[in-house]
Amino acid sequence: MVTGGAGCIGTNLCRKLAELGAEKVVILDDLSSAYEWNIPKANNISFVNGSILDDEMLKRVYKEKPEYVFHLAAHFANQNSVDKPDEVKNHEILRD
């Protein structure tokens, strides 16, 4: 599984995993800073549109029993993390 797999780094990682013969690559991304058209098209890549902050969504994707998780989901250049690091750390701002 690759969280944030629709972003620049994530799509390249997913493409390479698929090319190397991974049985299944699950991308979890909320498309907040990426586009679905950017996701590599391959039979062994599946896309789930959702957030890592959504507990129900996480339960859903973990039912796939991923062997590895590459966590690339992040808010790029998020000024909140600079201005209010304690609140971001506790996910209070990210849920706004």
PDB file of N, CA and C in Angstrom:
ATOM      1  N   MET A   1       0.846  -1.169   0.000  1.00  0.00           N
ATOM      2  CA  MET A   1       0.000   0.000   0.000  1.00  0.00           C
ATOM      3  C   MET A   1       0.892   1.232   0.000  1.00  0.00           C
ATOM      4  N   VAL A   2       0.451   2.229  -0.760  1.00  0.00           N
ATOM      5  CA  VAL A   2       1.171   3.496  -0.813  1.00  0.00           C
ATOM      6  C   VAL A   2       0.182   4.602  -0.478  1.00  0.00           C
ATOM      7  N   THR A   3       0.334   5.220   0.700  1.00  0.00           N
ATOM      8  CA  THR A   3      -0.495   6.380   1.025  1.00  0.00           C
ATOM      9  C   THR A   3       0.114   7.583   0.314  1.00  0.00           C
ATOM     10  N   GLY A   4      -0.738   8.438  -0.220  1.00  0.00           N
ATOM     11  CA  GLY A   4      -0.222   9.546  -1.013  1.00  0.00           C
ATOM     12  C   GLY A   4       0.313   9.075  -2.353  1.00  0.00           C
ATOM     13  N   GLY A   5      -0.176   7.952  -2.819  1.00  0.00           N
ATOM     14  CA  GLY A   5       0.354   7.334  -4.028  1.00  0.00           C
ATOM     15  C   GLY A   5      -0.016   8.021  -5.331  1.00  0.00           C
ATOM     16  N   ALA A   6      -0.874   9.052  -5.284  1.00  0.00           N
ATOM     17  CA  ALA A   6      -1.225   9.779  -6.501  1.00  0.00           C
ATOM     18  C   ALA A   6      -0.328  10.985  -6.724  1.00  0.00           C
ATOM     19  N   GLY A   7       0.540  11.275  -5.777  1.00  0.00           N
ATOM     20  CA  GLY A   7       1.454  12.402  -5.913  1.00  0.00           C
ATOM     21  C   GLY A   7       2.647  12.049  -6.792  1.00  0.00           C
ATOM     22  N   CYS A   8       3.521  12.994  -6.959  1.00  0.00           N
ATOM     23  CA  CYS A   8       4.681  12.827  -7.852  1.00  0.00           C
ATOM     24  C   CYS A   8       5.564  11.650  -7.437  1.00  0.00           C
ATOM     25  N   ILE A   9       5.991  11.634  -6.216  1.00  0.00           N
ATOM     26  CA  ILE A   9       6.861  10.541  -5.751  1.00  0.00           C
ATOM     27  C   ILE A   9       6.072   9.238  -5.681  1.00  0.00           C
ATOM     28  N   GLY A  10       4.841   9.315  -5.181  1.00  0.00           N
ATOM     29  CA  GLY A  10       4.017   8.122  -5.036  1.00  0.00           C
ATOM     30  C   GLY A  10       3.730   7.416  -6.339  1.00  0.00           C
ATOM     31  N   THR A  11       3.411   8.176  -7.388  1.00  0.00           N
ATOM     32  CA  THR A  11       3.117   7.534  -8.673  1.00  0.00           C
ATOM     33  C   THR A  11       4.341   6.840  -9.242  1.00  0.00           C
ATOM     34  N   ASN A  12       5.488   7.447  -9.076  1.00  0.00           N
ATOM     35  CA  ASN A  12       6.715   6.801  -9.565  1.00  0.00           C
ATOM     36  C   ASN A  12       7.022   5.533  -8.774  1.00  0.00           C
ATOM     37  N   LEU A  13       6.811   5.567  -7.458  1.00  0.00           N
ATOM     38  CA  LEU A  13       7.020   4.377  -6.638  1.00  0.00           C
ATOM     39  C   LEU A  13       6.039   3.277  -7.045  1.00  0.00           C
ATOM     40  N   CYS A  14       4.768   3.625  -7.196  1.00  0.00           N
ATOM     41  CA  CYS A  14       3.755   2.632  -7.565  1.00  0.00           C
ATOM     42  C   CYS A  14       4.040   2.019  -8.930  1.00  0.00           C
ATOM     43  N   ARG A  15       4.422   2.848  -9.872  1.00  0.00           N
ATOM     44  CA  ARG A  15       4.760   2.352 -11.212  1.00  0.00           C
ATOM     45  C   ARG A  15       5.907   1.342 -11.135  1.00  0.00           C
ATOM     46  N   LYS A  16       6.922   1.677 -10.361  1.00  0.00           N
ATOM     47  CA  LYS A  16       8.088   0.793 -10.250  1.00  0.00           C
ATOM     48  C   LYS A  16       7.719  -0.509  -9.532  1.00  0.00           C
ATOM     49  N   LEU A  17       6.929  -0.423  -8.463  1.00  0.00           N
ATOM     50  CA  LEU A  17       6.489  -1.637  -7.760  1.00  0.00           C
ATOM     51  C   LEU A  17       5.707  -2.551  -8.699  1.00  0.00           C
ATOM     52  N   ALA A  18       4.830  -1.950  -9.507  1.00  0.00           N
ATOM     53  CA  ALA A  18       4.048  -2.735 -10.463  1.00  0.00           C
ATOM     54  C   ALA A  18       4.955  -3.385 -11.505  1.00  0.00           C
ATOM     55  N   GLU A  19       5.925  -2.611 -12.012  1.00  0.00           N
ATOM     56  CA  GLU A  19       6.859  -3.148 -13.011  1.00  0.00           C
ATOM     57  C   GLU A  19       7.715  -4.276 -12.451  1.00  0.00           C
ATOM     58  N   LEU A  20       8.041  -4.195 -11.162  1.00  0.00           N
ATOM     59  CA  LEU A  20       8.868  -5.220 -10.538  1.00  0.00           C
ATOM     60  C   LEU A  20       8.080  -6.475 -10.169  1.00  0.00           C
ATOM     61  N   GLY A  21       6.776  -6.453 -10.438  1.00  0.00           N
ATOM     62  CA  GLY A  21       5.981  -7.659 -10.245  1.00  0.00           C
ATOM     63  C   GLY A  21       5.234  -7.754  -8.933  1.00  0.00           C
ATOM     64  N   ALA A  22       5.012  -6.634  -8.256  1.00  0.00           N
ATOM     65  CA  ALA A  22       4.206  -6.685  -7.035  1.00  0.00           C
ATOM     66  C   ALA A  22       2.846  -7.290  -7.373  1.00  0.00           C
ATOM     67  N   GLU A  23       2.367  -8.173  -6.529  1.00  0.00           N
ATOM     68  CA  GLU A  23       1.082  -8.825  -6.781  1.00  0.00           C
ATOM     69  C   GLU A  23      -0.046  -7.795  -6.848  1.00  0.00           C
ATOM     70  N   LYS A  24      -0.035  -6.867  -5.898  1.00  0.00           N
ATOM     71  CA  LYS A  24      -1.058  -5.831  -5.864  1.00  0.00           C
ATOM     72  C   LYS A  24      -0.486  -4.593  -5.193  1.00  0.00           C
ATOM     73  N   VAL A  25      -0.729  -3.434  -5.796  1.00  0.00           N
ATOM     74  CA  VAL A  25      -0.329  -2.155  -5.230  1.00  0.00           C
ATOM     75  C   VAL A  25      -1.608  -1.364  -4.981  1.00  0.00           C
ATOM     76  N   VAL A  26      -1.887  -1.077  -3.723  1.00  0.00           N
ATOM     77  CA  VAL A  26      -3.074  -0.300  -3.362  1.00  0.00           C
ATOM     78  C   VAL A  26      -2.629   1.127  -3.065  1.00  0.00           C
ATOM     79  N   ILE A  27      -3.229   2.075  -3.773  1.00  0.00           N
ATOM     80  CA  ILE A  27      -2.949   3.492  -3.552  1.00  0.00           C
ATOM     81  C   ILE A  27      -4.087   4.073  -2.741  1.00  0.00           C
ATOM     82  N   LEU A  28      -3.742   4.706  -1.617  1.00  0.00           N
ATOM     83  CA  LEU A  28      -4.726   5.445  -0.811  1.00  0.00           C
ATOM     84  C   LEU A  28      -4.341   6.912  -0.878  1.00  0.00           C
ATOM     85  N   ASP A  29      -5.228   7.720  -1.455  1.00  0.00           N
ATOM     86  CA  ASP A  29      -4.933   9.145  -1.616  1.00  0.00           C
ATOM     87  C   ASP A  29      -6.248   9.913  -1.632  1.00  0.00           C
ATOM     88  N   ASP A  30      -6.291  11.067  -0.976  1.00  0.00           N
ATOM     89  CA  ASP A  30      -7.510  11.872  -0.972  1.00  0.00           C
ATOM     90  C   ASP A  30      -7.528  12.916  -2.089  1.00  0.00           C
ATOM     91  N   LEU A  31      -6.517  12.896  -2.920  1.00  0.00           N
ATOM     92  CA  LEU A  31      -6.404  13.795  -4.077  1.00  0.00           C
ATOM     93  C   LEU A  31      -6.433  15.271  -3.688  1.00  0.00           C
ATOM     94  N   SER A  32      -6.001  15.577  -2.466  1.00  0.00           N
ATOM     95  CA  SER A  32      -5.970  16.976  -2.031  1.00  0.00           C
ATOM     96  C   SER A  32      -4.846  17.753  -2.706  1.00  0.00           C
ATOM     97  N   SER A  33      -3.826  17.053  -3.160  1.00  0.00           N
ATOM     98  CA  SER A  33      -2.734  17.740  -3.874  1.00  0.00           C
ATOM     99  C   SER A  33      -2.237  16.899  -5.047  1.00  0.00           C
ATOM    100  N   ALA A  34      -3.140  16.098  -5.608  1.00  0.00           N
ATOM    101  CA  ALA A  34      -2.797  15.245  -6.752  1.00  0.00           C
ATOM    102  C   ALA A  34      -4.043  15.048  -7.600  1.00  0.00           C
ATOM    103  N   TYR A  35      -3.873  14.370  -8.712  1.00  0.00           N
ATOM    104  CA  TYR A  35      -4.983  14.134  -9.642  1.00  0.00           C
ATOM    105  C   TYR A  35      -5.079  12.654  -9.978  1.00  0.00           C
ATOM    106  N   GLU A  36      -6.298  12.181 -10.127  1.00  0.00           N
ATOM    107  CA  GLU A  36      -6.493  10.766 -10.428  1.00  0.00           C
ATOM    108  C   GLU A  36      -5.863  10.376 -11.766  1.00  0.00           C
ATOM    109  N   TRP A  37      -5.826  11.289 -12.733  1.00  0.00           N
ATOM    110  CA  TRP A  37      -5.238  10.974 -14.027  1.00  0.00           C
ATOM    111  C   TRP A  37      -3.742  10.683 -13.931  1.00  0.00           C
ATOM    112  N   ASN A  38      -3.137  11.069 -12.826  1.00  0.00           N
ATOM    113  CA  ASN A  38      -1.700  10.856 -12.615  1.00  0.00           C
ATOM    114  C   ASN A  38      -1.377   9.427 -12.157  1.00  0.00           C
ATOM    115  N   ILE A  39      -2.382   8.694 -11.732  1.00  0.00           N
ATOM    116  CA  ILE A  39      -2.168   7.344 -11.192  1.00  0.00           C
ATOM    117  C   ILE A  39      -1.824   6.387 -12.329  1.00  0.00           C
ATOM    118  N   PRO A  40      -0.751   5.620 -12.171  1.00  0.00           N
ATOM    119  CA  PRO A  40      -0.363   4.666 -13.219  1.00  0.00           C
ATOM    120  C   PRO A  40      -1.466   3.654 -13.487  1.00  0.00           C
ATOM    121  N   LYS A  41      -1.632   3.299 -14.732  1.00  0.00           N
ATOM    122  CA  LYS A  41      -2.626   2.298 -15.135  1.00  0.00           C
ATOM    123  C   LYS A  41      -1.919   0.955 -15.296  1.00  0.00           C
ATOM    124  N   ALA A  42      -2.275   0.031 -14.426  1.00  0.00           N
ATOM    125  CA  ALA A  42      -1.736  -1.329 -14.503  1.00  0.00           C
ATOM    126  C   ALA A  42      -2.726  -2.264 -13.834  1.00  0.00           C
ATOM    127  N   ASN A  43      -2.742  -3.502 -14.264  1.00  0.00           N
ATOM    128  CA  ASN A  43      -3.676  -4.485 -13.699  1.00  0.00           C
ATOM    129  C   ASN A  43      -3.449  -4.736 -12.217  1.00  0.00           C
ATOM    130  N   ASN A  44      -2.219  -4.527 -11.746  1.00  0.00           N
ATOM    131  CA  ASN A  44      -1.921  -4.808 -10.339  1.00  0.00           C
ATOM    132  C   ASN A  44      -1.917  -3.545  -9.471  1.00  0.00           C
ATOM    133  N   ILE A  45      -2.469  -2.438  -9.985  1.00  0.00           N
ATOM    134  CA  ILE A  45      -2.586  -1.204  -9.204  1.00  0.00           C
ATOM    135  C   ILE A  45      -4.063  -0.890  -9.024  1.00  0.00           C
ATOM    136  N   SER A  46      -4.455  -0.664  -7.763  1.00  0.00           N
ATOM    137  CA  SER A  46      -5.832  -0.225  -7.495  1.00  0.00           C
ATOM    138  C   SER A  46      -5.783   1.072  -6.698  1.00  0.00           C
ATOM    139  N   PHE A  47      -6.789   1.911  -6.913  1.00  0.00           N
ATOM    140  CA  PHE A  47      -6.844   3.218  -6.285  1.00  0.00           C
ATOM    141  C   PHE A  47      -8.042   3.316  -5.350  1.00  0.00           C
ATOM    142  N   VAL A  48      -7.792   3.828  -4.151  1.00  0.00           N
ATOM    143  CA  VAL A  48      -8.849   4.098  -3.185  1.00  0.00           C
ATOM    144  C   VAL A  48      -8.791   5.586  -2.873  1.00  0.00           C
ATOM    145  N   ASN A  49      -9.880   6.292  -3.152  1.00  0.00           N
ATOM    146  CA  ASN A  49      -9.949   7.723  -2.890  1.00  0.00           C
ATOM    147  C   ASN A  49     -10.381   7.916  -1.442  1.00  0.00           C
ATOM    148  N   GLY A  50      -9.430   8.276  -0.580  1.00  0.00           N
ATOM    149  CA  GLY A  50      -9.734   8.457   0.835  1.00  0.00           C
ATOM    150  C   GLY A  50      -8.556   9.040   1.581  1.00  0.00           C
ATOM    151  N   SER A  51      -8.824   9.415   2.814  1.00  0.00           N
ATOM    152  CA  SER A  51      -7.840  10.079   3.657  1.00  0.00           C
ATOM    153  C   SER A  51      -7.260   9.138   4.704  1.00  0.00           C
ATOM    154  N   ILE A  52      -6.004   9.336   5.017  1.00  0.00           N
ATOM    155  CA  ILE A  52      -5.368   8.566   6.096  1.00  0.00           C
ATOM    156  C   ILE A  52      -5.921   8.981   7.450  1.00  0.00           C
ATOM    157  N   LEU A  53      -6.641  10.096   7.513  1.00  0.00           N
ATOM    158  CA  LEU A  53      -7.240  10.566   8.766  1.00  0.00           C
ATOM    159  C   LEU A  53      -8.615   9.958   9.009  1.00  0.00           C
ATOM    160  N   ASP A  54      -9.105   9.187   8.061  1.00  0.00           N
ATOM    161  CA  ASP A  54     -10.414   8.556   8.146  1.00  0.00           C
ATOM    162  C   ASP A  54     -10.237   7.116   8.635  1.00  0.00           C
ATOM    163  N   ASP A  55     -10.566   6.884   9.895  1.00  0.00           N
ATOM    164  CA  ASP A  55     -10.357   5.559  10.492  1.00  0.00           C
ATOM    165  C   ASP A  55     -11.101   4.450   9.746  1.00  0.00           C
ATOM    166  N   GLU A  56     -12.323   4.722   9.301  1.00  0.00           N
ATOM    167  CA  GLU A  56     -13.090   3.705   8.577  1.00  0.00           C
ATOM    168  C   GLU A  56     -12.428   3.369   7.240  1.00  0.00           C
ATOM    169  N   MET A  57     -11.897   4.382   6.589  1.00  0.00           N
ATOM    170  CA  MET A  57     -11.201   4.158   5.313  1.00  0.00           C
ATOM    171  C   MET A  57      -9.949   3.310   5.541  1.00  0.00           C
ATOM    172  N   LEU A  58      -9.219   3.613   6.611  1.00  0.00           N
ATOM    173  CA  LEU A  58      -8.025   2.827   6.919  1.00  0.00           C
ATOM    174  C   LEU A  58      -8.379   1.370   7.192  1.00  0.00           C
ATOM    175  N   LYS A  59      -9.455   1.136   7.915  1.00  0.00           N
ATOM    176  CA  LYS A  59      -9.889  -0.244   8.170  1.00  0.00           C
ATOM    177  C   LYS A  59     -10.188  -0.953   6.852  1.00  0.00           C
ATOM    178  N   ARG A  60     -10.824  -0.222   5.939  1.00  0.00           N
ATOM    179  CA  ARG A  60     -11.172  -0.798   4.641  1.00  0.00           C
ATOM    180  C   ARG A  60      -9.932  -1.224   3.865  1.00  0.00           C
ATOM    181  N   VAL A  61      -8.937  -0.347   3.780  1.00  0.00           N
ATOM    182  CA  VAL A  61      -7.756  -0.697   2.986  1.00  0.00           C
ATOM    183  C   VAL A  61      -6.879  -1.722   3.697  1.00  0.00           C
ATOM    184  N   TYR A  62      -6.900  -1.726   5.015  1.00  0.00           N
ATOM    185  CA  TYR A  62      -6.103  -2.729   5.726  1.00  0.00           C
ATOM    186  C   TYR A  62      -6.710  -4.123   5.658  1.00  0.00           C
ATOM    187  N   LYS A  63      -7.961  -4.221   5.234  1.00  0.00           N
ATOM    188  CA  LYS A  63      -8.545  -5.543   4.992  1.00  0.00           C
ATOM    189  C   LYS A  63      -7.828  -6.247   3.849  1.00  0.00           C
ATOM    190  N   GLU A  64      -7.154  -5.467   3.004  1.00  0.00           N
ATOM    191  CA  GLU A  64      -6.350  -6.025   1.913  1.00  0.00           C
ATOM    192  C   GLU A  64      -5.077  -6.705   2.442  1.00  0.00           C
ATOM    193  N   LYS A  65      -4.780  -6.502   3.720  1.00  0.00           N
ATOM    194  CA  LYS A  65      -3.610  -7.072   4.389  1.00  0.00           C
ATOM    195  C   LYS A  65      -2.303  -6.751   3.645  1.00  0.00           C
ATOM    196  N   PRO A  66      -1.982  -5.458   3.553  1.00  0.00           N
ATOM    197  CA  PRO A  66      -0.748  -5.098   2.843  1.00  0.00           C
ATOM    198  C   PRO A  66       0.488  -5.646   3.552  1.00  0.00           C
ATOM    199  N   GLU A  67       1.401  -6.137   2.762  1.00  0.00           N
ATOM    200  CA  GLU A  67       2.653  -6.656   3.304  1.00  0.00           C
ATOM    201  C   GLU A  67       3.591  -5.512   3.683  1.00  0.00           C
ATOM    202  N   TYR A  68       3.528  -4.431   2.910  1.00  0.00           N
ATOM    203  CA  TYR A  68       4.340  -3.239   3.160  1.00  0.00           C
ATOM    204  C   TYR A  68       3.458  -2.010   3.021  1.00  0.00           C
ATOM    205  N   VAL A  69       3.783  -0.973   3.780  1.00  0.00           N
ATOM    206  CA  VAL A  69       3.100   0.314   3.655  1.00  0.00           C
ATOM    207  C   VAL A  69       4.163   1.394   3.474  1.00  0.00           C
ATOM    208  N   PHE A  70       4.035   2.115   2.375  1.00  0.00           N
ATOM    209  CA  PHE A  70       4.898   3.271   2.120  1.00  0.00           C
ATOM    210  C   PHE A  70       4.053   4.502   2.411  1.00  0.00           C
ATOM    211  N   HIS A  71       4.409   5.233   3.459  1.00  0.00           N
ATOM    212  CA  HIS A  71       3.602   6.377   3.878  1.00  0.00           C
ATOM    213  C   HIS A  71       4.169   7.653   3.264  1.00  0.00           C
ATOM    214  N   LEU A  72       3.510   8.107   2.204  1.00  0.00           N
ATOM    215  CA  LEU A  72       3.937   9.321   1.511  1.00  0.00           C
ATOM    216  C   LEU A  72       2.892  10.424   1.606  1.00  0.00           C
ATOM    217  N   ALA A  73       1.787  10.166   2.273  1.00  0.00           N
ATOM    218  CA  ALA A  73       0.729  11.170   2.394  1.00  0.00           C
ATOM    219  C   ALA A  73       1.190  12.284   3.327  1.00  0.00           C
ATOM    220  N   ALA A  74       1.078  13.504   2.843  1.00  0.00           N
ATOM    221  CA  ALA A  74       1.469  14.665   3.642  1.00  0.00           C
ATOM    222  C   ALA A  74       0.897  15.912   2.997  1.00  0.00           C
ATOM    223  N   HIS A  75       0.737  16.937   3.794  1.00  0.00           N
ATOM    224  CA  HIS A  75       0.346  18.234   3.256  1.00  0.00           C
ATOM    225  C   HIS A  75       1.617  18.949   2.845  1.00  0.00           C
ATOM    226  N   PHE A  76       1.761  19.197   1.566  1.00  0.00           N
ATOM    227  CA  PHE A  76       2.954  19.816   1.023  1.00  0.00           C
ATOM    228  C   PHE A  76       3.014  21.286   1.397  1.00  0.00           C
ATOM    229  N   ALA A  77       4.158  21.703   1.954  1.00  0.00           N
ATOM    230  CA  ALA A  77       4.388  23.112   2.298  1.00  0.00           C
ATOM    231  C   ALA A  77       3.233  23.674   3.111  1.00  0.00           C
ATOM    232  N   ASN A  78       2.768  22.923   4.060  1.00  0.00           N
ATOM    233  CA  ASN A  78       1.636  23.335   4.879  1.00  0.00           C
ATOM    234  C   ASN A  78       2.104  24.334   5.929  1.00  0.00           C
ATOM    235  N   GLN A  79       1.714  25.571   5.783  1.00  0.00           N
ATOM    236  CA  GLN A  79       2.126  26.618   6.711  1.00  0.00           C
ATOM    237  C   GLN A  79       1.618  26.349   8.123  1.00  0.00           C
ATOM    238  N   ASN A  80       0.491  25.622   8.256  1.00  0.00           N
ATOM    239  CA  ASN A  80      -0.017  25.292   9.584  1.00  0.00           C
ATOM    240  C   ASN A  80       0.997  24.513  10.404  1.00  0.00           C
ATOM    241  N   SER A  81       1.768  23.653   9.769  1.00  0.00           N
ATOM    242  CA  SER A  81       2.739  22.853  10.505  1.00  0.00           C
ATOM    243  C   SER A  81       3.867  23.719  11.056  1.00  0.00           C
ATOM    244  N   VAL A  82       4.097  24.869  10.442  1.00  0.00           N
ATOM    245  CA  VAL A  82       5.119  25.800  10.928  1.00  0.00           C
ATOM    246  C   VAL A  82       4.531  26.697  12.008  1.00  0.00           C
ATOM    247  N   ASP A  83       3.319  27.215  11.756  1.00  0.00           N
ATOM    248  CA  ASP A  83       2.698  28.157  12.675  1.00  0.00           C
ATOM    249  C   ASP A  83       2.177  27.501  13.956  1.00  0.00           C
ATOM    250  N   LYS A  84       1.655  26.279  13.851  1.00  0.00           N
ATOM    251  CA  LYS A  84       1.008  25.612  14.993  1.00  0.00           C
ATOM    252  C   LYS A  84       1.406  24.141  15.060  1.00  0.00           C
ATOM    253  N   PRO A  85       2.668  23.852  15.316  1.00  0.00           N
ATOM    254  CA  PRO A  85       3.137  22.457  15.248  1.00  0.00           C
ATOM    255  C   PRO A  85       2.450  21.521  16.236  1.00  0.00           C
ATOM    256  N   ASP A  86       2.109  21.994  17.429  1.00  0.00           N
ATOM    257  CA  ASP A  86       1.469  21.116  18.406  1.00  0.00           C
ATOM    258  C   ASP A  86       0.070  20.701  17.954  1.00  0.00           C
ATOM    259  N   GLU A  87      -0.664  21.635  17.364  1.00  0.00           N
ATOM    260  CA  GLU A  87      -2.009  21.320  16.910  1.00  0.00           C
ATOM    261  C   GLU A  87      -1.980  20.386  15.704  1.00  0.00           C
ATOM    262  N   VAL A  88      -1.056  20.610  14.801  1.00  0.00           N
ATOM    263  CA  VAL A  88      -0.931  19.728  13.640  1.00  0.00           C
ATOM    264  C   VAL A  88      -0.544  18.329  14.095  1.00  0.00           C
ATOM    265  N   LYS A  89       0.354  18.278  15.058  1.00  0.00           N
ATOM    266  CA  LYS A  89       0.791  16.987  15.588  1.00  0.00           C
ATOM    267  C   LYS A  89      -0.401  16.194  16.114  1.00  0.00           C
ATOM    268  N   ASN A  90      -1.370  16.886  16.680  1.00  0.00           N
ATOM    269  CA  ASN A  90      -2.554  16.231  17.234  1.00  0.00           C
ATOM    270  C   ASN A  90      -3.696  16.137  16.228  1.00  0.00           C
ATOM    271  N   HIS A  91      -3.451  16.491  14.975  1.00  0.00           N
ATOM    272  CA  HIS A  91      -4.415  16.408  13.880  1.00  0.00           C
ATOM    273  C   HIS A  91      -5.601  17.339  14.040  1.00  0.00           C
ATOM    274  N   GLU A  92      -5.535  18.294  14.942  1.00  0.00           N
ATOM    275  CA  GLU A  92      -6.674  19.194  15.138  1.00  0.00           C
ATOM    276  C   GLU A  92      -6.863  20.115  13.939  1.00  0.00           C
ATOM    277  N   ILE A  93      -5.796  20.639  13.403  1.00  0.00           N
ATOM    278  CA  ILE A  93      -5.912  21.545  12.262  1.00  0.00           C
ATOM    279  C   ILE A  93      -6.227  20.771  10.997  1.00  0.00           C
ATOM    280  N   LEU A  94      -5.636  19.614  10.835  1.00  0.00           N
ATOM    281  CA  LEU A  94      -5.796  18.860   9.596  1.00  0.00           C
ATOM    282  C   LEU A  94      -7.240  18.451   9.347  1.00  0.00           C
ATOM    283  N   ARG A  95      -8.040  18.381  10.378  1.00  0.00           N
ATOM    284  CA  ARG A  95      -9.445  17.982  10.220  1.00  0.00           C
ATOM    285  C   ARG A  95     -10.341  19.163   9.859  1.00  0.00           C
ATOM    286  N   ASP A  96      -9.818  20.389   9.886  1.00  0.00           N
ATOM    287  CA  ASP A  96     -10.613  21.577   9.541  1.00  0.00           C
ATOM    288  C   ASP A  96     -10.917  21.629   8.067  1.00  0.00           C
TER     289      ASP A  96
END
